Amino acid sequence: MEGMSAEQLSWHAPGKWCASEVLEHLYLTYTGTIRGFEKVIASGKPQASLPSVVHRMRTLVVVGCGYMPAGRQAPAMTRPKGLAADKVLGELGAKIAAMDALISQCEDRFGRRVRVLDHPILGPLSATQWRKLHLVHGRHHKKQLLRLRKRTTGQKD
């Protein structure tokens, strides 16, 4: 998003998110994951439920196959709320680093394959699966961001 003006960051097609909102959504997913992993660490034990067949199937598609289905509405707690774009852009890297550190702590404490925390759609995930989820999710939104940048600035992908 480097070099995009505030106006370019806020442009959106009707009914779609602008670049600023996509970035805020990612920011909110990272802060939500941070809060969840902080609870796991504070409790000293995994907080995951048992996975259902639906959870296993969704996890296989997203985490196993690396495919993020389009058109699914984001959980309410991850929908943009109007945070300032400069705040989001300024803190995004730090949130990713904090999230990674907490995931690493859980991997060290419980192992890579133990389901430690529930995702609101995919259900219980291991620390390794949480990492892969954020990678797949980030790539999904990167495509949107690149299209928005191209549309508003005329730059190539």
N, C-alpha and C. Protein backbone atom coordinates (compact mmCIF):
# COMPACT_ATOMS: atom_id res chain seq x y z
N MET A 1 0.82 -1.19 0.00
CA MET A 1 0.00 0.00 0.00
C MET A 1 0.87 1.26 0.00
N GLU A 2 2.16 1.01 -0.03
CA GLU A 2 3.11 2.12 -0.05
C GLU A 2 2.82 3.06 -1.21
N GLY A 3 2.80 4.33 -0.91
CA GLY A 3 2.59 5.35 -1.94
C GLY A 3 1.13 5.65 -2.23
N MET A 4 0.22 4.94 -1.59
CA MET A 4 -1.21 5.21 -1.83
C MET A 4 -1.67 6.35 -0.92
N SER A 5 -2.45 7.25 -1.49
CA SER A 5 -2.99 8.36 -0.72
C SER A 5 -4.16 7.88 0.14
N ALA A 6 -4.58 8.72 1.07
CA ALA A 6 -5.74 8.40 1.91
C ALA A 6 -6.98 8.18 1.04
N GLU A 7 -7.09 8.97 0.01
CA GLU A 7 -8.24 8.83 -0.91
C GLU A 7 -8.18 7.48 -1.63
N GLN A 8 -7.00 7.09 -2.08
CA GLN A 8 -6.86 5.81 -2.76
C GLN A 8 -7.11 4.64 -1.80
N LEU A 9 -6.64 4.76 -0.57
CA LEU A 9 -6.87 3.72 0.42
C LEU A 9 -8.34 3.57 0.78
N SER A 10 -9.11 4.62 0.61
CA SER A 10 -10.53 4.57 0.99
C SER A 10 -11.48 4.32 -0.19
N TRP A 11 -10.95 4.20 -1.40
CA TRP A 11 -11.82 3.95 -2.55
C TRP A 11 -12.28 2.49 -2.53
N HIS A 12 -13.55 2.29 -2.85
CA HIS A 12 -14.08 0.92 -2.95
C HIS A 12 -15.21 0.85 -3.96
N ALA A 13 -15.37 -0.32 -4.53
CA ALA A 13 -16.51 -0.58 -5.39
C ALA A 13 -17.73 -0.70 -4.49
N PRO A 14 -18.91 -0.44 -5.01
CA PRO A 14 -20.12 -0.54 -4.19
C PRO A 14 -20.24 -1.92 -3.53
N GLY A 15 -20.47 -1.91 -2.22
CA GLY A 15 -20.65 -3.14 -1.47
C GLY A 15 -19.38 -3.90 -1.15
N LYS A 16 -18.21 -3.34 -1.50
CA LYS A 16 -16.93 -4.00 -1.26
C LYS A 16 -16.10 -3.17 -0.28
N TRP A 17 -15.11 -3.81 0.32
CA TRP A 17 -14.22 -3.10 1.22
C TRP A 17 -13.16 -2.34 0.43
N CYS A 18 -12.73 -1.23 0.99
CA CYS A 18 -11.60 -0.49 0.44
C CYS A 18 -10.31 -1.09 1.01
N ALA A 19 -9.17 -0.66 0.49
CA ALA A 19 -7.88 -1.18 0.96
C ALA A 19 -7.70 -0.97 2.46
N SER A 20 -8.10 0.20 2.95
CA SER A 20 -7.97 0.50 4.37
C SER A 20 -8.79 -0.49 5.21
N GLU A 21 -9.97 -0.83 4.73
CA GLU A 21 -10.83 -1.78 5.46
C GLU A 21 -10.27 -3.19 5.41
N VAL A 22 -9.71 -3.59 4.28
CA VAL A 22 -9.09 -4.91 4.18
C VAL A 22 -7.93 -4.99 5.18
N LEU A 23 -7.11 -3.95 5.22
CA LEU A 23 -5.99 -3.94 6.16
C LEU A 23 -6.47 -3.95 7.61
N GLU A 24 -7.54 -3.21 7.89
CA GLU A 24 -8.09 -3.23 9.25
C GLU A 24 -8.61 -4.62 9.59
N HIS A 25 -9.26 -5.27 8.65
CA HIS A 25 -9.75 -6.63 8.86
C HIS A 25 -8.58 -7.55 9.23
N LEU A 26 -7.49 -7.48 8.48
CA LEU A 26 -6.32 -8.29 8.80
C LEU A 26 -5.79 -7.96 10.19
N TYR A 27 -5.70 -6.67 10.48
CA TYR A 27 -5.25 -6.20 11.80
C TYR A 27 -6.12 -6.79 12.91
N LEU A 28 -7.43 -6.79 12.70
CA LEU A 28 -8.35 -7.32 13.70
C LEU A 28 -8.20 -8.84 13.86
N THR A 29 -7.91 -9.53 12.76
CA THR A 29 -7.68 -10.98 12.89
C THR A 29 -6.42 -11.24 13.69
N TYR A 30 -5.39 -10.43 13.48
CA TYR A 30 -4.15 -10.62 14.23
C TYR A 30 -4.35 -10.30 15.71
N THR A 31 -5.03 -9.21 16.01
CA THR A 31 -5.24 -8.85 17.43
C THR A 31 -6.15 -9.87 18.11
N GLY A 32 -7.12 -10.41 17.39
CA GLY A 32 -7.98 -11.45 17.95
C GLY A 32 -7.19 -12.72 18.26
N THR A 33 -6.31 -13.09 17.36
CA THR A 33 -5.47 -14.27 17.57
C THR A 33 -4.53 -14.03 18.75
N ILE A 34 -3.99 -12.84 18.84
CA ILE A 34 -3.12 -12.49 19.97
C ILE A 34 -3.88 -12.68 21.29
N ARG A 35 -5.08 -12.12 21.37
CA ARG A 35 -5.88 -12.26 22.60
C ARG A 35 -6.14 -13.73 22.93
N GLY A 36 -6.49 -14.51 21.92
CA GLY A 36 -6.75 -15.93 22.15
C GLY A 36 -5.53 -16.67 22.67
N PHE A 37 -4.40 -16.43 22.04
CA PHE A 37 -3.18 -17.12 22.48
C PHE A 37 -2.70 -16.63 23.83
N GLU A 38 -2.94 -15.36 24.16
CA GLU A 38 -2.62 -14.87 25.50
C GLU A 38 -3.44 -15.62 26.55
N LYS A 39 -4.69 -15.91 26.25
CA LYS A 39 -5.54 -16.68 27.18
C LYS A 39 -5.03 -18.10 27.34
N VAL A 40 -4.60 -18.70 26.24
CA VAL A 40 -4.05 -20.05 26.31
C VAL A 40 -2.82 -20.06 27.21
N ILE A 41 -1.92 -19.13 26.99
CA ILE A 41 -0.69 -19.07 27.78
C ILE A 41 -1.00 -18.79 29.26
N ALA A 42 -1.92 -17.86 29.51
CA ALA A 42 -2.27 -17.53 30.89
C ALA A 42 -2.90 -18.72 31.62
N SER A 43 -3.69 -19.52 30.91
CA SER A 43 -4.34 -20.67 31.53
C SER A 43 -3.39 -21.84 31.73
N GLY A 44 -2.32 -21.86 30.93
CA GLY A 44 -1.36 -22.94 31.03
C GLY A 44 -1.79 -24.22 30.34
N LYS A 45 -2.89 -24.15 29.60
CA LYS A 45 -3.35 -25.36 28.89
C LYS A 45 -4.11 -24.96 27.63
N PRO A 46 -4.18 -25.86 26.66
CA PRO A 46 -4.93 -25.57 25.43
C PRO A 46 -6.40 -25.26 25.74
N GLN A 47 -6.98 -24.39 24.93
CA GLN A 47 -8.37 -23.97 25.11
C GLN A 47 -9.27 -24.47 23.97
N ALA A 48 -8.80 -25.45 23.23
CA ALA A 48 -9.53 -25.93 22.06
C ALA A 48 -10.58 -26.97 22.45
N SER A 49 -11.67 -26.94 21.69
CA SER A 49 -12.72 -27.93 21.85
C SER A 49 -12.37 -29.14 20.96
N LEU A 50 -13.26 -30.10 20.90
CA LEU A 50 -13.07 -31.22 19.99
C LEU A 50 -13.59 -30.83 18.62
N PRO A 51 -12.87 -31.17 17.56
CA PRO A 51 -13.32 -30.77 16.22
C PRO A 51 -14.49 -31.62 15.74
N SER A 52 -15.43 -30.97 15.08
CA SER A 52 -16.53 -31.69 14.44
C SER A 52 -16.09 -32.11 13.05
N VAL A 53 -16.90 -32.89 12.38
CA VAL A 53 -16.60 -33.28 11.00
C VAL A 53 -16.54 -32.04 10.12
N VAL A 54 -17.45 -31.10 10.33
CA VAL A 54 -17.47 -29.85 9.55
C VAL A 54 -16.19 -29.07 9.78
N HIS A 55 -15.76 -28.97 11.03
CA HIS A 55 -14.50 -28.27 11.34
C HIS A 55 -13.33 -28.93 10.62
N ARG A 56 -13.28 -30.25 10.64
CA ARG A 56 -12.19 -30.97 9.99
C ARG A 56 -12.18 -30.72 8.49
N MET A 57 -13.36 -30.69 7.88
CA MET A 57 -13.46 -30.45 6.43
C MET A 57 -13.02 -29.03 6.09
N ARG A 58 -13.49 -28.06 6.85
CA ARG A 58 -13.11 -26.66 6.60
C ARG A 58 -11.61 -26.47 6.78
N THR A 59 -11.06 -27.07 7.82
CA THR A 59 -9.63 -26.96 8.08
C THR A 59 -8.83 -27.61 6.95
N LEU A 60 -9.30 -28.74 6.46
CA LEU A 60 -8.63 -29.40 5.35
C LEU A 60 -8.57 -28.49 4.12
N VAL A 61 -9.69 -27.84 3.81
CA VAL A 61 -9.75 -26.96 2.63
C VAL A 61 -8.82 -25.76 2.80
N VAL A 62 -8.94 -25.06 3.93
CA VAL A 62 -8.20 -23.81 4.12
C VAL A 62 -6.74 -24.06 4.50
N VAL A 63 -6.53 -24.84 5.51
CA VAL A 63 -5.17 -25.05 6.01
C VAL A 63 -4.45 -26.14 5.21
N GLY A 64 -5.13 -27.24 4.96
CA GLY A 64 -4.51 -28.34 4.25
C GLY A 64 -4.24 -28.04 2.78
N CYS A 65 -5.26 -27.51 2.11
CA CYS A 65 -5.14 -27.23 0.67
C CYS A 65 -4.70 -25.80 0.37
N GLY A 66 -4.75 -24.93 1.36
CA GLY A 66 -4.34 -23.55 1.16
C GLY A 66 -5.32 -22.73 0.35
N TYR A 67 -6.61 -23.10 0.42
CA TYR A 67 -7.63 -22.43 -0.37
C TYR A 67 -8.59 -21.68 0.55
N MET A 68 -8.70 -20.37 0.36
CA MET A 68 -9.63 -19.54 1.13
C MET A 68 -10.83 -19.26 0.23
N PRO A 69 -11.98 -19.86 0.53
CA PRO A 69 -13.16 -19.63 -0.30
C PRO A 69 -13.56 -18.16 -0.30
N ALA A 70 -13.90 -17.66 -1.46
CA ALA A 70 -14.33 -16.26 -1.60
C ALA A 70 -15.80 -16.14 -1.23
N GLY A 71 -16.19 -14.93 -0.88
CA GLY A 71 -17.60 -14.63 -0.65
C GLY A 71 -18.12 -14.94 0.74
N ARG A 72 -17.31 -15.48 1.59
CA ARG A 72 -17.74 -15.78 2.96
C ARG A 72 -17.67 -14.50 3.79
N GLN A 73 -18.71 -14.23 4.55
CA GLN A 73 -18.71 -13.02 5.37
C GLN A 73 -17.79 -13.21 6.58
N ALA A 74 -17.00 -12.21 6.85
CA ALA A 74 -16.06 -12.26 7.97
C ALA A 74 -16.83 -12.27 9.29
N PRO A 75 -16.29 -12.98 10.30
CA PRO A 75 -16.92 -12.93 11.63
C PRO A 75 -17.02 -11.48 12.12
N ALA A 76 -18.05 -11.18 12.86
CA ALA A 76 -18.35 -9.80 13.30
C ALA A 76 -17.16 -9.11 13.95
N MET A 77 -16.40 -9.86 14.77
CA MET A 77 -15.29 -9.23 15.49
C MET A 77 -14.13 -8.87 14.59
N THR A 78 -14.16 -9.32 13.33
CA THR A 78 -13.07 -9.00 12.40
C THR A 78 -13.51 -8.07 11.28
N ARG A 79 -14.72 -7.57 11.35
CA ARG A 79 -15.19 -6.62 10.34
C ARG A 79 -14.68 -5.22 10.68
N PRO A 80 -14.29 -4.46 9.66
CA PRO A 80 -13.76 -3.11 9.91
C PRO A 80 -14.70 -2.25 10.72
N LYS A 81 -14.11 -1.48 11.64
CA LYS A 81 -14.88 -0.63 12.55
C LYS A 81 -14.54 0.84 12.38
N GLY A 82 -13.61 1.14 11.45
CA GLY A 82 -13.26 2.54 11.21
C GLY A 82 -11.98 2.99 11.87
N LEU A 83 -11.09 2.06 12.19
CA LEU A 83 -9.79 2.46 12.73
C LEU A 83 -9.06 3.31 11.70
N ALA A 84 -8.27 4.24 12.16
CA ALA A 84 -7.50 5.10 11.27
C ALA A 84 -6.48 4.28 10.49
N ALA A 85 -6.41 4.51 9.19
CA ALA A 85 -5.50 3.76 8.32
C ALA A 85 -4.05 3.89 8.78
N ASP A 86 -3.65 5.08 9.23
CA ASP A 86 -2.26 5.25 9.66
C ASP A 86 -1.95 4.42 10.91
N LYS A 87 -2.92 4.27 11.80
CA LYS A 87 -2.74 3.42 12.99
C LYS A 87 -2.56 1.97 12.56
N VAL A 88 -3.45 1.50 11.69
CA VAL A 88 -3.40 0.12 11.22
C VAL A 88 -2.08 -0.15 10.50
N LEU A 89 -1.73 0.72 9.56
CA LEU A 89 -0.49 0.54 8.81
C LEU A 89 0.74 0.61 9.72
N GLY A 90 0.69 1.48 10.70
CA GLY A 90 1.82 1.65 11.61
C GLY A 90 2.01 0.49 12.57
N GLU A 91 0.94 -0.24 12.88
CA GLU A 91 1.02 -1.30 13.88
C GLU A 91 0.95 -2.71 13.31
N LEU A 92 0.64 -2.83 12.03
CA LEU A 92 0.42 -4.14 11.43
C LEU A 92 1.62 -5.08 11.61
N GLY A 93 2.80 -4.61 11.31
CA GLY A 93 3.99 -5.45 11.44
C GLY A 93 4.24 -5.89 12.87
N ALA A 94 4.02 -5.00 13.81
CA ALA A 94 4.21 -5.33 15.23
C ALA A 94 3.19 -6.37 15.69
N LYS A 95 1.99 -6.27 15.20
CA LYS A 95 0.95 -7.25 15.56
C LYS A 95 1.30 -8.63 15.02
N ILE A 96 1.79 -8.69 13.79
CA ILE A 96 2.20 -9.98 13.22
C ILE A 96 3.33 -10.57 14.04
N ALA A 97 4.31 -9.76 14.41
CA ALA A 97 5.44 -10.24 15.21
C ALA A 97 4.97 -10.73 16.59
N ALA A 98 4.07 -9.99 17.22
CA ALA A 98 3.55 -10.39 18.53
C ALA A 98 2.77 -11.70 18.43
N MET A 99 1.96 -11.81 17.38
CA MET A 99 1.19 -13.02 17.17
C MET A 99 2.13 -14.22 16.97
N ASP A 100 3.14 -14.04 16.15
CA ASP A 100 4.09 -15.12 15.88
C ASP A 100 4.80 -15.55 17.16
N ALA A 101 5.18 -14.60 17.99
CA ALA A 101 5.86 -14.93 19.25
C ALA A 101 4.96 -15.75 20.17
N LEU A 102 3.70 -15.38 20.26
CA LEU A 102 2.75 -16.12 21.10
C LEU A 102 2.50 -17.52 20.56
N ILE A 103 2.36 -17.63 19.24
CA ILE A 103 2.18 -18.95 18.64
C ILE A 103 3.40 -19.81 18.93
N SER A 104 4.59 -19.23 18.82
CA SER A 104 5.82 -19.98 19.12
C SER A 104 5.85 -20.45 20.57
N GLN A 105 5.41 -19.60 21.49
CA GLN A 105 5.37 -20.00 22.90
C GLN A 105 4.46 -21.22 23.09
N CYS A 106 3.32 -21.20 22.41
CA CYS A 106 2.39 -22.33 22.53
C CYS A 106 2.96 -23.58 21.88
N GLU A 107 3.66 -23.42 20.75
CA GLU A 107 4.31 -24.58 20.12
C GLU A 107 5.34 -25.19 21.07
N ASP A 108 6.13 -24.33 21.71
CA ASP A 108 7.17 -24.80 22.63
C ASP A 108 6.55 -25.51 23.84
N ARG A 109 5.45 -24.98 24.31
CA ARG A 109 4.83 -25.51 25.53
C ARG A 109 3.99 -26.76 25.28
N PHE A 110 3.21 -26.77 24.18
CA PHE A 110 2.24 -27.85 23.95
C PHE A 110 2.56 -28.74 22.76
N GLY A 111 3.51 -28.34 21.94
CA GLY A 111 3.82 -29.10 20.74
C GLY A 111 3.14 -28.48 19.52
N ARG A 112 3.62 -28.89 18.35
CA ARG A 112 3.14 -28.30 17.10
C ARG A 112 1.77 -28.83 16.67
N ARG A 113 1.42 -30.01 17.12
CA ARG A 113 0.20 -30.65 16.61
C ARG A 113 -0.98 -30.63 17.57
N VAL A 114 -0.78 -30.19 18.76
CA VAL A 114 -1.87 -30.14 19.74
C VAL A 114 -2.79 -28.97 19.40
N ARG A 115 -4.06 -29.25 19.30
CA ARG A 115 -5.02 -28.17 19.05
C ARG A 115 -5.09 -27.30 20.31
N VAL A 116 -4.82 -26.00 20.12
CA VAL A 116 -4.70 -25.12 21.27
C VAL A 116 -5.81 -24.09 21.40
N LEU A 117 -6.44 -23.74 20.28
CA LEU A 117 -7.38 -22.62 20.30
C LEU A 117 -8.39 -22.78 19.18
N ASP A 118 -9.65 -22.45 19.45
CA ASP A 118 -10.70 -22.53 18.43
C ASP A 118 -10.73 -21.30 17.55
N HIS A 119 -10.90 -21.53 16.27
CA HIS A 119 -11.17 -20.46 15.30
C HIS A 119 -12.69 -20.40 15.15
N PRO A 120 -13.27 -19.21 14.97
CA PRO A 120 -14.74 -19.11 14.92
C PRO A 120 -15.39 -19.85 13.75
N ILE A 121 -14.66 -20.14 12.70
CA ILE A 121 -15.23 -20.87 11.56
C ILE A 121 -14.61 -22.25 11.40
N LEU A 122 -13.30 -22.34 11.55
CA LEU A 122 -12.60 -23.61 11.33
C LEU A 122 -12.58 -24.51 12.55
N GLY A 123 -12.90 -23.97 13.71
CA GLY A 123 -12.88 -24.77 14.92
C GLY A 123 -11.48 -24.88 15.50
N PRO A 124 -11.21 -25.96 16.25
CA PRO A 124 -9.94 -26.10 16.95
C PRO A 124 -8.77 -26.29 15.99
N LEU A 125 -7.71 -25.50 16.23
CA LEU A 125 -6.51 -25.55 15.40
C LEU A 125 -5.27 -25.65 16.28
N SER A 126 -4.24 -26.30 15.74
CA SER A 126 -2.95 -26.32 16.41
C SER A 126 -2.23 -25.00 16.13
N ALA A 127 -1.14 -24.77 16.83
CA ALA A 127 -0.36 -23.56 16.59
C ALA A 127 0.12 -23.50 15.14
N THR A 128 0.58 -24.64 14.63
CA THR A 128 1.04 -24.70 13.24
C THR A 128 -0.10 -24.39 12.28
N GLN A 129 -1.28 -24.90 12.56
CA GLN A 129 -2.43 -24.62 11.70
C GLN A 129 -2.83 -23.15 11.77
N TRP A 130 -2.70 -22.53 12.93
CA TRP A 130 -2.99 -21.10 13.03
C TRP A 130 -2.06 -20.30 12.13
N ARG A 131 -0.78 -20.66 12.13
CA ARG A 131 0.19 -19.97 11.25
C ARG A 131 -0.22 -20.10 9.79
N LYS A 132 -0.53 -21.31 9.38
CA LYS A 132 -0.90 -21.56 7.98
C LYS A 132 -2.19 -20.82 7.63
N LEU A 133 -3.15 -20.81 8.54
CA LEU A 133 -4.39 -20.08 8.31
C LEU A 133 -4.11 -18.61 8.02
N HIS A 134 -3.27 -17.98 8.84
CA HIS A 134 -2.97 -16.57 8.63
C HIS A 134 -2.22 -16.35 7.32
N LEU A 135 -1.39 -17.27 6.93
CA LEU A 135 -0.71 -17.18 5.64
C LEU A 135 -1.71 -17.25 4.49
N VAL A 136 -2.58 -18.24 4.51
CA VAL A 136 -3.58 -18.40 3.45
C VAL A 136 -4.53 -17.20 3.42
N HIS A 137 -4.95 -16.76 4.58
CA HIS A 137 -5.86 -15.61 4.69
C HIS A 137 -5.19 -14.34 4.17
N GLY A 138 -3.94 -14.14 4.55
CA GLY A 138 -3.21 -12.97 4.08
C GLY A 138 -3.03 -12.96 2.58
N ARG A 139 -2.71 -14.12 2.00
CA ARG A 139 -2.58 -14.23 0.53
C ARG A 139 -3.90 -13.92 -0.16
N HIS A 140 -4.98 -14.39 0.42
CA HIS A 140 -6.32 -14.14 -0.12
C HIS A 140 -6.58 -12.63 -0.21
N HIS A 141 -6.27 -11.92 0.86
CA HIS A 141 -6.51 -10.48 0.87
C HIS A 141 -5.45 -9.70 0.10
N LYS A 142 -4.26 -10.25 -0.02
CA LYS A 142 -3.23 -9.59 -0.82
C LYS A 142 -3.72 -9.40 -2.26
N LYS A 143 -4.40 -10.39 -2.79
CA LYS A 143 -4.94 -10.29 -4.15
C LYS A 143 -5.92 -9.12 -4.24
N GLN A 144 -6.77 -8.98 -3.24
CA GLN A 144 -7.72 -7.85 -3.22
C GLN A 144 -6.98 -6.53 -3.17
N LEU A 145 -5.98 -6.47 -2.30
CA LEU A 145 -5.22 -5.22 -2.14
C LEU A 145 -4.49 -4.84 -3.42
N LEU A 146 -3.91 -5.82 -4.08
CA LEU A 146 -3.22 -5.53 -5.35
C LEU A 146 -4.19 -5.03 -6.41
N ARG A 147 -5.39 -5.62 -6.47
CA ARG A 147 -6.41 -5.14 -7.42
C ARG A 147 -6.83 -3.72 -7.10
N LEU A 148 -7.00 -3.42 -5.83
CA LEU A 148 -7.38 -2.06 -5.42
C LEU A 148 -6.27 -1.06 -5.74
N ARG A 149 -5.05 -1.44 -5.48
CA ARG A 149 -3.93 -0.56 -5.80
C ARG A 149 -3.86 -0.29 -7.30
N LYS A 150 -4.00 -1.34 -8.07
CA LYS A 150 -3.96 -1.19 -9.52
C LYS A 150 -5.11 -0.28 -10.00
N ARG A 151 -6.26 -0.49 -9.43
CA ARG A 151 -7.45 0.30 -9.84
C ARG A 151 -7.30 1.77 -9.48
N THR A 152 -6.73 2.05 -8.32
CA THR A 152 -6.67 3.45 -7.86
C THR A 152 -5.41 4.18 -8.28
N THR A 153 -4.33 3.46 -8.54
CA THR A 153 -3.07 4.14 -8.87
C THR A 153 -2.60 3.87 -10.29
N GLY A 154 -3.16 2.85 -10.92
CA GLY A 154 -2.70 2.47 -12.26
C GLY A 154 -1.42 1.67 -12.25
N GLN A 155 -0.90 1.32 -11.04
CA GLN A 155 0.33 0.53 -10.94
C GLN A 155 0.04 -0.92 -11.30
N LYS A 156 1.07 -1.61 -11.75
CA LYS A 156 0.96 -3.03 -12.04
C LYS A 156 1.11 -3.81 -10.77
N ASP A 157 0.65 -5.06 -10.81
CA ASP A 157 0.79 -5.98 -9.67
C ASP A 157 2.24 -6.19 -9.41
